[in-house]
Amino acid sequence: MRRLATITAAIVLATAVPAVVDAPEADAHLATFGSWEITEAYLKELFPEATSFLRRRDSYSPEQVAQIEEALGFRLNPEDKEPEFYIAVDESGDQRRFLGVGIFIDPRVESRILEGVVVRMEVGIGVDSQGRIARVRLYEYRGARELTQPAFLDQLIGRTLDDSFEVGPDKDIRPVAAEPLESQLVADAARNALYLMKMSLGRQ
């Protein structure tokens, strides 16, 4: 991840204005979030200083998918094989400043209904310019509230692919007692995000 900042900064500087994410183009998460305005608001939670977001999509070959799955130790969901990255920039000054990259990962939680609604999980991960987890947020999650709180999520801040993402009572990342499996899914989503960014933004 050391070259993520350099590579992504080059992408930002080389991206033309039409590539800036706007409502007609931001279709990847409209089915989940309902509108670009909601998607943008969620991205602003990941990068409060950002004034705009540039979008980059990628698509992995079967060989690349196999490589990613072997490295992560779990299968990719279909949407993660064609990920969409949101490059956060700050244009409030004289120069465009690269802040980091955001992505939304949808871990497959165990199917159940809570308060009449199917429980699902959407994890937003913001990675800073040094390739470290900067923020993690859960959106529209109806499970244990503790899973959405800083006491759990902030344990992921600062982690890179060199760090452990194992969750457990005797691990660096402590689970939410009521939802240990879901706790690991959130940590896996963060690690997944880092690896996808390495593949797409940190390569030659």
N, C-alpha and C. Protein backbone atom coordinates (compact mmCIF):
# COMPACT_ATOMS: atom_id res chain seq x y z
N MET A 1 0.81 -1.21 0.00
CA MET A 1 0.00 0.00 0.00
C MET A 1 0.85 1.26 0.00
N ARG A 2 2.17 1.15 0.02
CA ARG A 2 3.00 2.34 0.11
C ARG A 2 2.84 3.23 -1.11
N ARG A 3 2.53 2.63 -2.27
CA ARG A 3 2.44 3.43 -3.48
C ARG A 3 1.02 3.89 -3.76
N LEU A 4 0.08 3.58 -2.84
CA LEU A 4 -1.30 3.97 -3.07
C LEU A 4 -1.45 5.47 -3.20
N ALA A 5 -0.78 6.23 -2.33
CA ALA A 5 -0.92 7.68 -2.36
C ALA A 5 -0.42 8.25 -3.68
N THR A 6 0.75 7.79 -4.14
CA THR A 6 1.32 8.31 -5.38
C THR A 6 0.46 7.96 -6.58
N ILE A 7 0.06 6.68 -6.66
CA ILE A 7 -0.74 6.23 -7.79
C ILE A 7 -2.08 6.94 -7.84
N THR A 8 -2.75 7.00 -6.68
CA THR A 8 -4.07 7.59 -6.65
C THR A 8 -4.02 9.08 -6.86
N ALA A 9 -3.00 9.75 -6.34
CA ALA A 9 -2.86 11.18 -6.59
C ALA A 9 -2.71 11.44 -8.08
N ALA A 10 -1.98 10.58 -8.76
CA ALA A 10 -1.83 10.74 -10.20
C ALA A 10 -3.16 10.54 -10.91
N ILE A 11 -3.95 9.58 -10.42
CA ILE A 11 -5.28 9.37 -11.00
C ILE A 11 -6.14 10.61 -10.82
N VAL A 12 -6.11 11.18 -9.61
CA VAL A 12 -6.90 12.36 -9.33
C VAL A 12 -6.52 13.51 -10.24
N LEU A 13 -5.24 13.76 -10.36
CA LEU A 13 -4.78 14.89 -11.16
C LEU A 13 -5.06 14.70 -12.64
N ALA A 14 -5.08 13.43 -13.08
CA ALA A 14 -5.28 13.16 -14.50
C ALA A 14 -6.75 13.00 -14.87
N THR A 15 -7.64 12.93 -13.87
CA THR A 15 -9.04 12.68 -14.15
C THR A 15 -9.71 13.96 -14.63
N ALA A 16 -10.39 13.86 -15.75
CA ALA A 16 -11.07 15.02 -16.30
C ALA A 16 -12.35 15.30 -15.51
N VAL A 17 -12.88 16.50 -15.67
CA VAL A 17 -14.06 16.91 -14.93
C VAL A 17 -15.25 15.98 -15.12
N PRO A 18 -15.53 15.43 -16.35
CA PRO A 18 -16.68 14.55 -16.48
C PRO A 18 -16.64 13.32 -15.61
N ALA A 19 -15.45 12.95 -15.10
CA ALA A 19 -15.37 11.76 -14.26
C ALA A 19 -15.77 12.04 -12.81
N VAL A 20 -15.97 13.33 -12.47
CA VAL A 20 -16.42 13.65 -11.13
C VAL A 20 -17.80 13.04 -10.93
N VAL A 21 -17.97 12.41 -9.80
CA VAL A 21 -19.22 11.70 -9.56
C VAL A 21 -20.37 12.69 -9.47
N ASP A 22 -21.44 12.44 -10.20
CA ASP A 22 -22.65 13.23 -10.06
C ASP A 22 -23.84 12.28 -10.07
N ALA A 23 -25.01 12.82 -9.93
CA ALA A 23 -26.19 11.96 -9.77
C ALA A 23 -26.41 10.99 -10.92
N PRO A 24 -26.34 11.40 -12.21
CA PRO A 24 -26.60 10.45 -13.28
C PRO A 24 -25.59 9.31 -13.32
N GLU A 25 -24.33 9.56 -12.94
CA GLU A 25 -23.31 8.54 -13.08
C GLU A 25 -23.24 7.60 -11.88
N ALA A 26 -23.68 8.06 -10.72
CA ALA A 26 -23.47 7.30 -9.49
C ALA A 26 -24.57 6.26 -9.31
N ASP A 27 -24.53 5.23 -10.15
CA ASP A 27 -25.60 4.25 -10.14
C ASP A 27 -25.28 3.02 -9.31
N ALA A 28 -24.04 2.86 -8.86
CA ALA A 28 -23.64 1.62 -8.21
C ALA A 28 -24.40 1.37 -6.91
N HIS A 29 -24.69 2.43 -6.17
CA HIS A 29 -25.32 2.24 -4.87
C HIS A 29 -26.69 2.89 -4.77
N LEU A 30 -27.26 3.28 -5.91
CA LEU A 30 -28.57 3.89 -5.87
C LEU A 30 -29.62 2.91 -5.39
N ALA A 31 -29.47 1.64 -5.79
CA ALA A 31 -30.45 0.64 -5.35
C ALA A 31 -30.39 0.45 -3.84
N THR A 32 -29.20 0.63 -3.28
CA THR A 32 -29.04 0.47 -1.83
C THR A 32 -29.42 1.73 -1.09
N PHE A 33 -28.91 2.86 -1.52
CA PHE A 33 -29.07 4.09 -0.77
C PHE A 33 -30.23 4.96 -1.25
N GLY A 34 -30.70 4.74 -2.48
CA GLY A 34 -31.87 5.46 -2.96
C GLY A 34 -31.57 6.66 -3.84
N SER A 35 -30.46 7.34 -3.64
CA SER A 35 -30.13 8.51 -4.45
C SER A 35 -28.66 8.85 -4.29
N TRP A 36 -28.14 9.64 -5.24
CA TRP A 36 -26.76 10.09 -5.12
C TRP A 36 -26.58 10.99 -3.91
N GLU A 37 -27.60 11.77 -3.56
CA GLU A 37 -27.50 12.65 -2.40
C GLU A 37 -27.21 11.85 -1.13
N ILE A 38 -27.86 10.70 -0.98
CA ILE A 38 -27.61 9.87 0.19
C ILE A 38 -26.21 9.27 0.13
N THR A 39 -25.83 8.76 -1.06
CA THR A 39 -24.49 8.21 -1.23
C THR A 39 -23.43 9.24 -0.89
N GLU A 40 -23.61 10.46 -1.39
CA GLU A 40 -22.65 11.53 -1.12
C GLU A 40 -22.59 11.85 0.37
N ALA A 41 -23.74 11.86 1.02
CA ALA A 41 -23.76 12.13 2.46
C ALA A 41 -22.99 11.06 3.23
N TYR A 42 -23.13 9.81 2.80
CA TYR A 42 -22.39 8.73 3.45
C TYR A 42 -20.88 8.88 3.20
N LEU A 43 -20.53 9.28 1.98
CA LEU A 43 -19.11 9.50 1.68
C LEU A 43 -18.54 10.65 2.51
N LYS A 44 -19.37 11.66 2.75
CA LYS A 44 -18.91 12.79 3.56
C LYS A 44 -18.68 12.38 5.01
N GLU A 45 -19.36 11.33 5.46
CA GLU A 45 -19.06 10.81 6.80
C GLU A 45 -17.67 10.19 6.83
N LEU A 46 -17.24 9.61 5.71
CA LEU A 46 -15.92 9.01 5.63
C LEU A 46 -14.83 10.06 5.45
N PHE A 47 -15.16 11.11 4.69
CA PHE A 47 -14.19 12.16 4.40
C PHE A 47 -14.86 13.53 4.58
N PRO A 48 -14.96 14.01 5.83
CA PRO A 48 -15.66 15.28 6.08
C PRO A 48 -15.06 16.48 5.36
N GLU A 49 -13.75 16.44 5.06
CA GLU A 49 -13.10 17.58 4.42
C GLU A 49 -13.27 17.59 2.90
N ALA A 50 -13.78 16.52 2.34
CA ALA A 50 -13.87 16.42 0.88
C ALA A 50 -14.90 17.42 0.33
N THR A 51 -14.53 18.02 -0.79
CA THR A 51 -15.47 18.90 -1.50
C THR A 51 -16.06 18.21 -2.72
N SER A 52 -15.42 17.13 -3.17
CA SER A 52 -15.96 16.35 -4.29
C SER A 52 -15.35 14.96 -4.28
N PHE A 53 -15.97 14.10 -5.07
CA PHE A 53 -15.52 12.71 -5.16
C PHE A 53 -15.40 12.31 -6.62
N LEU A 54 -14.27 11.72 -6.96
CA LEU A 54 -14.05 11.19 -8.29
C LEU A 54 -14.27 9.69 -8.25
N ARG A 55 -14.86 9.20 -9.30
CA ARG A 55 -15.20 7.78 -9.31
C ARG A 55 -14.27 7.01 -10.22
N ARG A 56 -13.85 5.84 -9.75
CA ARG A 56 -13.09 4.93 -10.59
C ARG A 56 -13.67 3.53 -10.43
N ARG A 57 -13.98 2.91 -11.54
CA ARG A 57 -14.45 1.53 -11.52
C ARG A 57 -13.35 0.61 -12.06
N ASP A 58 -13.39 -0.62 -11.60
CA ASP A 58 -12.44 -1.61 -12.09
C ASP A 58 -13.18 -2.92 -12.30
N SER A 59 -12.55 -3.84 -13.00
CA SER A 59 -13.11 -5.17 -13.22
C SER A 59 -11.97 -6.16 -13.20
N TYR A 60 -12.13 -7.22 -12.43
CA TYR A 60 -11.06 -8.18 -12.27
C TYR A 60 -11.28 -9.42 -13.13
N SER A 61 -10.19 -9.94 -13.65
CA SER A 61 -10.23 -11.18 -14.41
C SER A 61 -10.43 -12.34 -13.45
N PRO A 62 -10.84 -13.51 -13.96
CA PRO A 62 -10.96 -14.68 -13.08
C PRO A 62 -9.66 -14.99 -12.34
N GLU A 63 -8.54 -14.77 -12.99
CA GLU A 63 -7.25 -15.02 -12.34
C GLU A 63 -7.02 -14.05 -11.18
N GLN A 64 -7.38 -12.78 -11.41
CA GLN A 64 -7.22 -11.79 -10.34
C GLN A 64 -8.16 -12.08 -9.18
N VAL A 65 -9.40 -12.48 -9.50
CA VAL A 65 -10.35 -12.84 -8.45
C VAL A 65 -9.81 -13.98 -7.60
N ALA A 66 -9.26 -14.99 -8.27
CA ALA A 66 -8.69 -16.13 -7.53
C ALA A 66 -7.54 -15.68 -6.64
N GLN A 67 -6.71 -14.75 -7.13
CA GLN A 67 -5.60 -14.24 -6.34
C GLN A 67 -6.11 -13.49 -5.11
N ILE A 68 -7.12 -12.66 -5.30
CA ILE A 68 -7.67 -11.88 -4.20
C ILE A 68 -8.29 -12.81 -3.16
N GLU A 69 -9.07 -13.78 -3.62
CA GLU A 69 -9.74 -14.70 -2.70
C GLU A 69 -8.74 -15.54 -1.91
N GLU A 70 -7.66 -15.93 -2.56
CA GLU A 70 -6.64 -16.70 -1.85
C GLU A 70 -5.98 -15.85 -0.77
N ALA A 71 -5.72 -14.58 -1.10
CA ALA A 71 -5.07 -13.69 -0.13
C ALA A 71 -5.99 -13.37 1.05
N LEU A 72 -7.28 -13.17 0.76
CA LEU A 72 -8.23 -12.79 1.81
C LEU A 72 -8.71 -13.99 2.62
N GLY A 73 -8.80 -15.14 1.96
CA GLY A 73 -9.29 -16.32 2.65
C GLY A 73 -10.79 -16.47 2.64
N PHE A 74 -11.47 -15.70 1.79
CA PHE A 74 -12.91 -15.84 1.63
C PHE A 74 -13.31 -15.43 0.22
N ARG A 75 -14.51 -15.83 -0.19
CA ARG A 75 -14.98 -15.56 -1.55
C ARG A 75 -15.44 -14.11 -1.68
N LEU A 76 -15.17 -13.53 -2.85
CA LEU A 76 -15.67 -12.20 -3.13
C LEU A 76 -17.14 -12.25 -3.53
N ASN A 77 -17.89 -11.26 -3.10
CA ASN A 77 -19.24 -11.11 -3.59
C ASN A 77 -19.18 -10.59 -5.03
N PRO A 78 -20.22 -10.83 -5.82
CA PRO A 78 -20.18 -10.43 -7.24
C PRO A 78 -19.82 -8.96 -7.46
N GLU A 79 -20.37 -8.05 -6.63
CA GLU A 79 -20.10 -6.63 -6.84
C GLU A 79 -18.65 -6.27 -6.53
N ASP A 80 -17.98 -7.07 -5.68
CA ASP A 80 -16.59 -6.78 -5.36
C ASP A 80 -15.64 -7.19 -6.48
N LYS A 81 -16.15 -7.94 -7.45
CA LYS A 81 -15.33 -8.30 -8.61
C LYS A 81 -15.29 -7.17 -9.63
N GLU A 82 -16.21 -6.20 -9.46
CA GLU A 82 -16.23 -4.99 -10.28
C GLU A 82 -16.41 -3.80 -9.35
N PRO A 83 -15.40 -3.53 -8.54
CA PRO A 83 -15.56 -2.52 -7.48
C PRO A 83 -15.62 -1.10 -8.01
N GLU A 84 -16.25 -0.26 -7.22
CA GLU A 84 -16.30 1.16 -7.52
C GLU A 84 -15.65 1.91 -6.37
N PHE A 85 -14.65 2.72 -6.69
CA PHE A 85 -13.92 3.49 -5.71
C PHE A 85 -14.31 4.96 -5.82
N TYR A 86 -14.37 5.63 -4.68
CA TYR A 86 -14.67 7.06 -4.65
C TYR A 86 -13.44 7.78 -4.12
N ILE A 87 -12.79 8.53 -4.97
CA ILE A 87 -11.56 9.23 -4.61
C ILE A 87 -11.94 10.60 -4.04
N ALA A 88 -11.63 10.80 -2.77
CA ALA A 88 -12.02 12.03 -2.08
C ALA A 88 -10.96 13.11 -2.28
N VAL A 89 -11.42 14.29 -2.70
CA VAL A 89 -10.51 15.40 -2.91
C VAL A 89 -11.05 16.66 -2.25
N ASP A 90 -10.14 17.54 -1.90
CA ASP A 90 -10.49 18.84 -1.33
C ASP A 90 -10.03 19.90 -2.31
N GLU A 91 -10.97 20.62 -2.86
CA GLU A 91 -10.66 21.67 -3.85
C GLU A 91 -10.93 23.06 -3.29
N SER A 92 -10.93 23.17 -1.96
CA SER A 92 -11.24 24.46 -1.35
C SER A 92 -10.06 25.43 -1.40
N GLY A 93 -8.85 24.90 -1.60
CA GLY A 93 -7.67 25.75 -1.67
C GLY A 93 -7.23 26.03 -3.09
N ASP A 94 -5.98 26.45 -3.25
CA ASP A 94 -5.45 26.76 -4.57
C ASP A 94 -5.18 25.51 -5.38
N GLN A 95 -4.92 24.38 -4.71
CA GLN A 95 -4.61 23.15 -5.40
C GLN A 95 -5.53 22.03 -4.93
N ARG A 96 -5.83 21.13 -5.84
CA ARG A 96 -6.64 19.96 -5.49
C ARG A 96 -5.82 19.06 -4.57
N ARG A 97 -6.41 18.70 -3.43
CA ARG A 97 -5.71 17.89 -2.44
C ARG A 97 -6.36 16.52 -2.34
N PHE A 98 -5.56 15.47 -2.48
CA PHE A 98 -6.04 14.11 -2.39
C PHE A 98 -6.15 13.71 -0.93
N LEU A 99 -7.34 13.26 -0.52
CA LEU A 99 -7.59 12.89 0.87
C LEU A 99 -7.57 11.39 1.12
N GLY A 100 -8.00 10.63 0.14
CA GLY A 100 -8.05 9.18 0.32
C GLY A 100 -9.08 8.57 -0.60
N VAL A 101 -9.42 7.32 -0.34
CA VAL A 101 -10.33 6.57 -1.20
C VAL A 101 -11.39 5.90 -0.34
N GLY A 102 -12.63 5.99 -0.78
CA GLY A 102 -13.72 5.33 -0.09
C GLY A 102 -14.32 4.21 -0.93
N ILE A 103 -14.89 3.25 -0.27
CA ILE A 103 -15.56 2.15 -0.95
C ILE A 103 -16.65 1.61 -0.02
N PHE A 104 -17.68 1.05 -0.60
CA PHE A 104 -18.75 0.42 0.17
C PHE A 104 -18.68 -1.09 -0.05
N ILE A 105 -18.66 -1.83 1.03
CA ILE A 105 -18.63 -3.29 0.99
C ILE A 105 -19.90 -3.82 1.66
N ASP A 106 -20.50 -4.82 1.04
CA ASP A 106 -21.76 -5.38 1.53
C ASP A 106 -21.54 -6.82 1.98
N PRO A 107 -21.07 -7.04 3.22
CA PRO A 107 -20.88 -8.41 3.70
C PRO A 107 -22.24 -9.12 3.78
N ARG A 108 -22.23 -10.40 3.52
CA ARG A 108 -23.48 -11.15 3.56
C ARG A 108 -23.72 -11.66 4.98
N VAL A 109 -24.56 -10.94 5.71
CA VAL A 109 -24.89 -11.35 7.06
C VAL A 109 -25.92 -12.47 7.00
N GLU A 110 -26.03 -13.21 8.09
CA GLU A 110 -27.02 -14.28 8.16
C GLU A 110 -28.42 -13.69 7.99
N SER A 111 -29.19 -14.28 7.10
CA SER A 111 -30.51 -13.75 6.78
C SER A 111 -31.43 -13.85 7.99
N ARG A 112 -31.98 -12.72 8.40
CA ARG A 112 -32.96 -12.69 9.47
C ARG A 112 -33.78 -11.42 9.36
N ILE A 113 -34.94 -11.43 9.99
CA ILE A 113 -35.83 -10.27 9.95
C ILE A 113 -35.90 -9.67 11.34
N LEU A 114 -35.73 -8.35 11.41
CA LEU A 114 -35.77 -7.64 12.67
C LEU A 114 -36.69 -6.44 12.49
N GLU A 115 -37.68 -6.32 13.34
CA GLU A 115 -38.66 -5.23 13.25
C GLU A 115 -39.29 -5.17 11.87
N GLY A 116 -39.54 -6.35 11.30
CA GLY A 116 -40.23 -6.43 10.02
C GLY A 116 -39.37 -6.14 8.81
N VAL A 117 -38.07 -5.96 9.01
CA VAL A 117 -37.16 -5.62 7.91
C VAL A 117 -36.03 -6.64 7.87
N VAL A 118 -35.64 -7.05 6.66
CA VAL A 118 -34.51 -7.97 6.51
C VAL A 118 -33.23 -7.25 6.93
N VAL A 119 -32.47 -7.87 7.81
CA VAL A 119 -31.21 -7.27 8.28
C VAL A 119 -30.15 -7.41 7.20
N ARG A 120 -29.54 -6.31 6.86
CA ARG A 120 -28.42 -6.31 5.93
C ARG A 120 -27.36 -5.37 6.46
N MET A 121 -26.17 -5.43 5.88
CA MET A 121 -25.06 -4.63 6.37
C MET A 121 -24.37 -3.96 5.19
N GLU A 122 -24.18 -2.67 5.27
CA GLU A 122 -23.41 -1.92 4.28
C GLU A 122 -22.30 -1.21 5.03
N VAL A 123 -21.06 -1.56 4.71
CA VAL A 123 -19.90 -1.00 5.43
C VAL A 123 -19.20 0.00 4.52
N GLY A 124 -19.05 1.22 5.00
CA GLY A 124 -18.28 2.23 4.29
C GLY A 124 -16.89 2.30 4.89
N ILE A 125 -15.88 2.21 4.04
CA ILE A 125 -14.49 2.25 4.50
C ILE A 125 -13.76 3.39 3.81
N GLY A 126 -13.16 4.25 4.61
CA GLY A 126 -12.32 5.32 4.07
C GLY A 126 -10.87 5.02 4.36
N VAL A 127 -10.04 5.04 3.32
CA VAL A 127 -8.60 4.77 3.45
C VAL A 127 -7.85 6.05 3.14
N ASP A 128 -6.93 6.45 4.01
CA ASP A 128 -6.24 7.72 3.83
C ASP A 128 -5.14 7.63 2.78
N SER A 129 -4.45 8.74 2.57
CA SER A 129 -3.44 8.81 1.51
C SER A 129 -2.22 7.96 1.78
N GLN A 130 -2.09 7.46 3.00
CA GLN A 130 -0.96 6.58 3.34
C GLN A 130 -1.35 5.11 3.31
N GLY A 131 -2.58 4.82 2.87
CA GLY A 131 -3.02 3.44 2.77
C GLY A 131 -3.46 2.84 4.08
N ARG A 132 -3.91 3.69 5.02
CA ARG A 132 -4.37 3.22 6.32
C ARG A 132 -5.87 3.45 6.44
N ILE A 133 -6.53 2.56 7.18
CA ILE A 133 -7.95 2.76 7.46
C ILE A 133 -8.12 4.07 8.23
N ALA A 134 -8.94 4.96 7.69
CA ALA A 134 -9.16 6.25 8.32
C ALA A 134 -10.49 6.28 9.08
N ARG A 135 -11.53 5.73 8.46
CA ARG A 135 -12.84 5.68 9.10
C ARG A 135 -13.60 4.47 8.60
N VAL A 136 -14.45 3.95 9.46
CA VAL A 136 -15.36 2.87 9.08
C VAL A 136 -16.74 3.24 9.61
N ARG A 137 -17.73 3.10 8.77
CA ARG A 137 -19.11 3.39 9.17
C ARG A 137 -20.03 2.26 8.69
N LEU A 138 -21.07 1.98 9.48
CA LEU A 138 -22.12 1.06 9.07
C LEU A 138 -23.37 1.87 8.78
N TYR A 139 -24.02 1.54 7.67
CA TYR A 139 -25.20 2.27 7.25
C TYR A 139 -26.42 1.36 7.25
N GLU A 140 -27.49 1.88 7.82
CA GLU A 140 -28.79 1.22 7.78
C GLU A 140 -28.75 -0.18 8.40
N TYR A 141 -27.90 -0.35 9.41
CA TYR A 141 -27.81 -1.65 10.06
C TYR A 141 -28.79 -1.71 11.22
N ARG A 142 -29.57 -2.80 11.29
CA ARG A 142 -30.61 -2.92 12.30
C ARG A 142 -30.27 -3.97 13.36
N GLY A 143 -29.04 -4.44 13.37
CA GLY A 143 -28.63 -5.38 14.40
C GLY A 143 -28.23 -4.65 15.67
N ALA A 144 -27.29 -5.23 16.39
CA ALA A 144 -26.84 -4.63 17.65
C ALA A 144 -26.26 -3.24 17.41
N ARG A 145 -26.77 -2.26 18.15
CA ARG A 145 -26.32 -0.88 17.98
C ARG A 145 -24.83 -0.74 18.26
N GLU A 146 -24.32 -1.56 19.18
CA GLU A 146 -22.90 -1.47 19.54
C GLU A 146 -21.98 -1.68 18.35
N LEU A 147 -22.45 -2.42 17.35
CA LEU A 147 -21.63 -2.70 16.18
C LEU A 147 -21.40 -1.43 15.35
N THR A 148 -22.26 -0.45 15.47
CA THR A 148 -22.16 0.78 14.68
C THR A 148 -21.43 1.90 15.42
N GLN A 149 -21.01 1.63 16.65
CA GLN A 149 -20.46 2.69 17.50
C GLN A 149 -18.93 2.75 17.43
N PRO A 150 -18.37 3.94 17.75
CA PRO A 150 -16.90 4.12 17.71
C PRO A 150 -16.14 3.13 18.59
N ALA A 151 -16.71 2.73 19.70
CA ALA A 151 -15.98 1.81 20.60
C ALA A 151 -15.54 0.55 19.86
N PHE A 152 -16.35 0.10 18.92
CA PHE A 152 -15.96 -1.07 18.11
C PHE A 152 -15.26 -0.64 16.82
N LEU A 153 -15.87 0.24 16.06
CA LEU A 153 -15.36 0.57 14.72
C LEU A 153 -13.99 1.23 14.77
N ASP A 154 -13.73 2.05 15.79
CA ASP A 154 -12.46 2.77 15.84
C ASP A 154 -11.27 1.84 16.08
N GLN A 155 -11.51 0.60 16.44
CA GLN A 155 -10.41 -0.36 16.58
C GLN A 155 -9.74 -0.64 15.23
N LEU A 156 -10.45 -0.35 14.14
CA LEU A 156 -9.91 -0.61 12.81
C LEU A 156 -9.08 0.55 12.27
N ILE A 157 -9.19 1.71 12.89
CA ILE A 157 -8.50 2.90 12.39
C ILE A 157 -6.98 2.70 12.47
N GLY A 158 -6.31 3.07 11.39
CA GLY A 158 -4.86 3.00 11.34
C GLY A 158 -4.32 1.68 10.82
N ARG A 159 -5.19 0.69 10.64
CA ARG A 159 -4.72 -0.62 10.19
C ARG A 159 -4.43 -0.62 8.70
N THR A 160 -3.43 -1.44 8.34
CA THR A 160 -3.06 -1.66 6.95
C THR A 160 -3.10 -3.16 6.69
N LEU A 161 -2.74 -3.56 5.48
CA LEU A 161 -2.71 -4.98 5.16
C LEU A 161 -1.65 -5.74 5.95
N ASP A 162 -0.72 -5.02 6.56
CA ASP A 162 0.29 -5.68 7.37
C ASP A 162 -0.22 -6.05 8.76
N ASP A 163 -1.40 -5.55 9.10
CA ASP A 163 -1.95 -5.78 10.43
C ASP A 163 -2.95 -6.93 10.44
N SER A 164 -3.23 -7.42 11.63
CA SER A 164 -4.22 -8.48 11.79
C SER A 164 -5.63 -7.90 11.82
N PHE A 165 -6.56 -8.61 11.20
CA PHE A 165 -7.97 -8.23 11.25
C PHE A 165 -8.79 -9.33 11.93
N GLU A 166 -8.11 -10.14 12.72
CA GLU A 166 -8.83 -11.17 13.47
C GLU A 166 -9.57 -10.54 14.64
N VAL A 167 -10.79 -10.98 14.83
CA VAL A 167 -11.64 -10.47 15.91
C VAL A 167 -11.85 -11.56 16.94
N GLY A 168 -11.71 -11.22 18.21
CA GLY A 168 -11.94 -12.20 19.26
C GLY A 168 -11.60 -11.62 20.62
N PRO A 169 -12.05 -12.27 21.67
CA PRO A 169 -11.79 -11.76 23.03
C PRO A 169 -10.30 -11.62 23.34
N ASP A 170 -9.46 -12.47 22.72
CA ASP A 170 -8.03 -12.42 22.97
C ASP A 170 -7.26 -11.84 21.79
N LYS A 171 -7.97 -11.14 20.89
CA LYS A 171 -7.34 -10.54 19.72
C LYS A 171 -7.27 -9.03 19.88
N ASP A 172 -6.55 -8.38 18.94
CA ASP A 172 -6.43 -6.92 18.98
C ASP A 172 -7.77 -6.24 18.77
N ILE A 173 -8.63 -6.87 17.97
CA ILE A 173 -9.95 -6.31 17.70
C ILE A 173 -10.97 -7.08 18.54
N ARG A 174 -11.57 -6.38 19.48
CA ARG A 174 -12.54 -7.03 20.36
C ARG A 174 -13.93 -6.99 19.75
N PRO A 175 -14.64 -8.10 19.76
CA PRO A 175 -15.96 -8.14 19.12
C PRO A 175 -17.04 -7.52 20.00
N VAL A 176 -18.14 -7.21 19.34
CA VAL A 176 -19.35 -6.89 20.09
C VAL A 176 -19.90 -8.21 20.62
N ALA A 177 -20.11 -8.27 21.91
CA ALA A 177 -20.44 -9.55 22.55
C ALA A 177 -21.67 -10.21 21.94
N ALA A 178 -22.66 -9.40 21.58
CA ALA A 178 -23.91 -9.96 21.06
C ALA A 178 -23.78 -10.43 19.62
N GLU A 179 -22.77 -9.96 18.91
CA GLU A 179 -22.65 -10.26 17.48
C GLU A 179 -21.20 -10.51 17.09
N PRO A 180 -20.59 -11.59 17.56
CA PRO A 180 -19.19 -11.86 17.22
C PRO A 180 -18.98 -12.15 15.74
N LEU A 181 -19.90 -12.86 15.10
CA LEU A 181 -19.75 -13.17 13.68
C LEU A 181 -19.85 -11.90 12.84
N GLU A 182 -20.81 -11.05 13.16
CA GLU A 182 -20.96 -9.79 12.43
C GLU A 182 -19.76 -8.88 12.67
N SER A 183 -19.18 -8.95 13.87
CA SER A 183 -17.98 -8.15 14.16
C SER A 183 -16.85 -8.54 13.22
N GLN A 184 -16.68 -9.85 13.00
CA GLN A 184 -15.64 -10.32 12.09
C GLN A 184 -15.95 -9.91 10.66
N LEU A 185 -17.23 -9.90 10.28
CA LEU A 185 -17.60 -9.48 8.93
C LEU A 185 -17.20 -8.03 8.67
N VAL A 186 -17.38 -7.18 9.66
CA VAL A 186 -16.98 -5.77 9.50
C VAL A 186 -15.47 -5.66 9.32
N ALA A 187 -14.73 -6.37 10.14
CA ALA A 187 -13.27 -6.36 10.02
C ALA A 187 -12.83 -6.92 8.67
N ASP A 188 -13.48 -7.98 8.22
CA ASP A 188 -13.16 -8.56 6.91
C ASP A 188 -13.45 -7.56 5.79
N ALA A 189 -14.53 -6.79 5.94
CA ALA A 189 -14.86 -5.78 4.93
C ALA A 189 -13.76 -4.73 4.82
N ALA A 190 -13.22 -4.33 5.97
CA ALA A 190 -12.13 -3.35 5.96
C ALA A 190 -10.89 -3.91 5.28
N ARG A 191 -10.56 -5.15 5.59
CA ARG A 191 -9.40 -5.79 4.95
C ARG A 191 -9.65 -5.98 3.46
N ASN A 192 -10.86 -6.35 3.11
CA ASN A 192 -11.25 -6.49 1.71
C ASN A 192 -11.03 -5.18 0.97
N ALA A 193 -11.47 -4.08 1.57
CA ALA A 193 -11.32 -2.77 0.94
C ALA A 193 -9.85 -2.45 0.68
N LEU A 194 -9.00 -2.71 1.66
CA LEU A 194 -7.58 -2.44 1.48
C LEU A 194 -6.99 -3.25 0.34
N TYR A 195 -7.38 -4.51 0.25
CA TYR A 195 -6.80 -5.36 -0.79
C TYR A 195 -7.30 -4.96 -2.17
N LEU A 196 -8.58 -4.62 -2.28
CA LEU A 196 -9.11 -4.19 -3.58
C LEU A 196 -8.42 -2.90 -4.03
N MET A 197 -8.16 -2.01 -3.08
CA MET A 197 -7.46 -0.77 -3.44
C MET A 197 -6.02 -1.05 -3.85
N LYS A 198 -5.40 -2.02 -3.19
CA LYS A 198 -4.04 -2.39 -3.59
C LYS A 198 -4.04 -2.92 -5.02
N MET A 199 -5.01 -3.75 -5.34
CA MET A 199 -5.08 -4.33 -6.69
C MET A 199 -5.35 -3.27 -7.75
N SER A 200 -6.25 -2.36 -7.45
CA SER A 200 -6.72 -1.42 -8.47
C SER A 200 -5.94 -0.11 -8.50
N LEU A 201 -5.48 0.37 -7.35
CA LEU A 201 -4.87 1.69 -7.28
C LEU A 201 -3.40 1.67 -6.91
N GLY A 202 -2.92 0.53 -6.44
CA GLY A 202 -1.54 0.48 -5.99
C GLY A 202 -0.63 -0.27 -6.92
N ARG A 203 -1.18 -0.68 -8.09
CA ARG A 203 -0.36 -1.47 -9.01
C ARG A 203 0.25 -0.54 -10.05
N GLN A 204 1.19 -1.11 -10.83
CA GLN A 204 1.86 -0.31 -11.88
C GLN A 204 0.85 0.07 -12.95
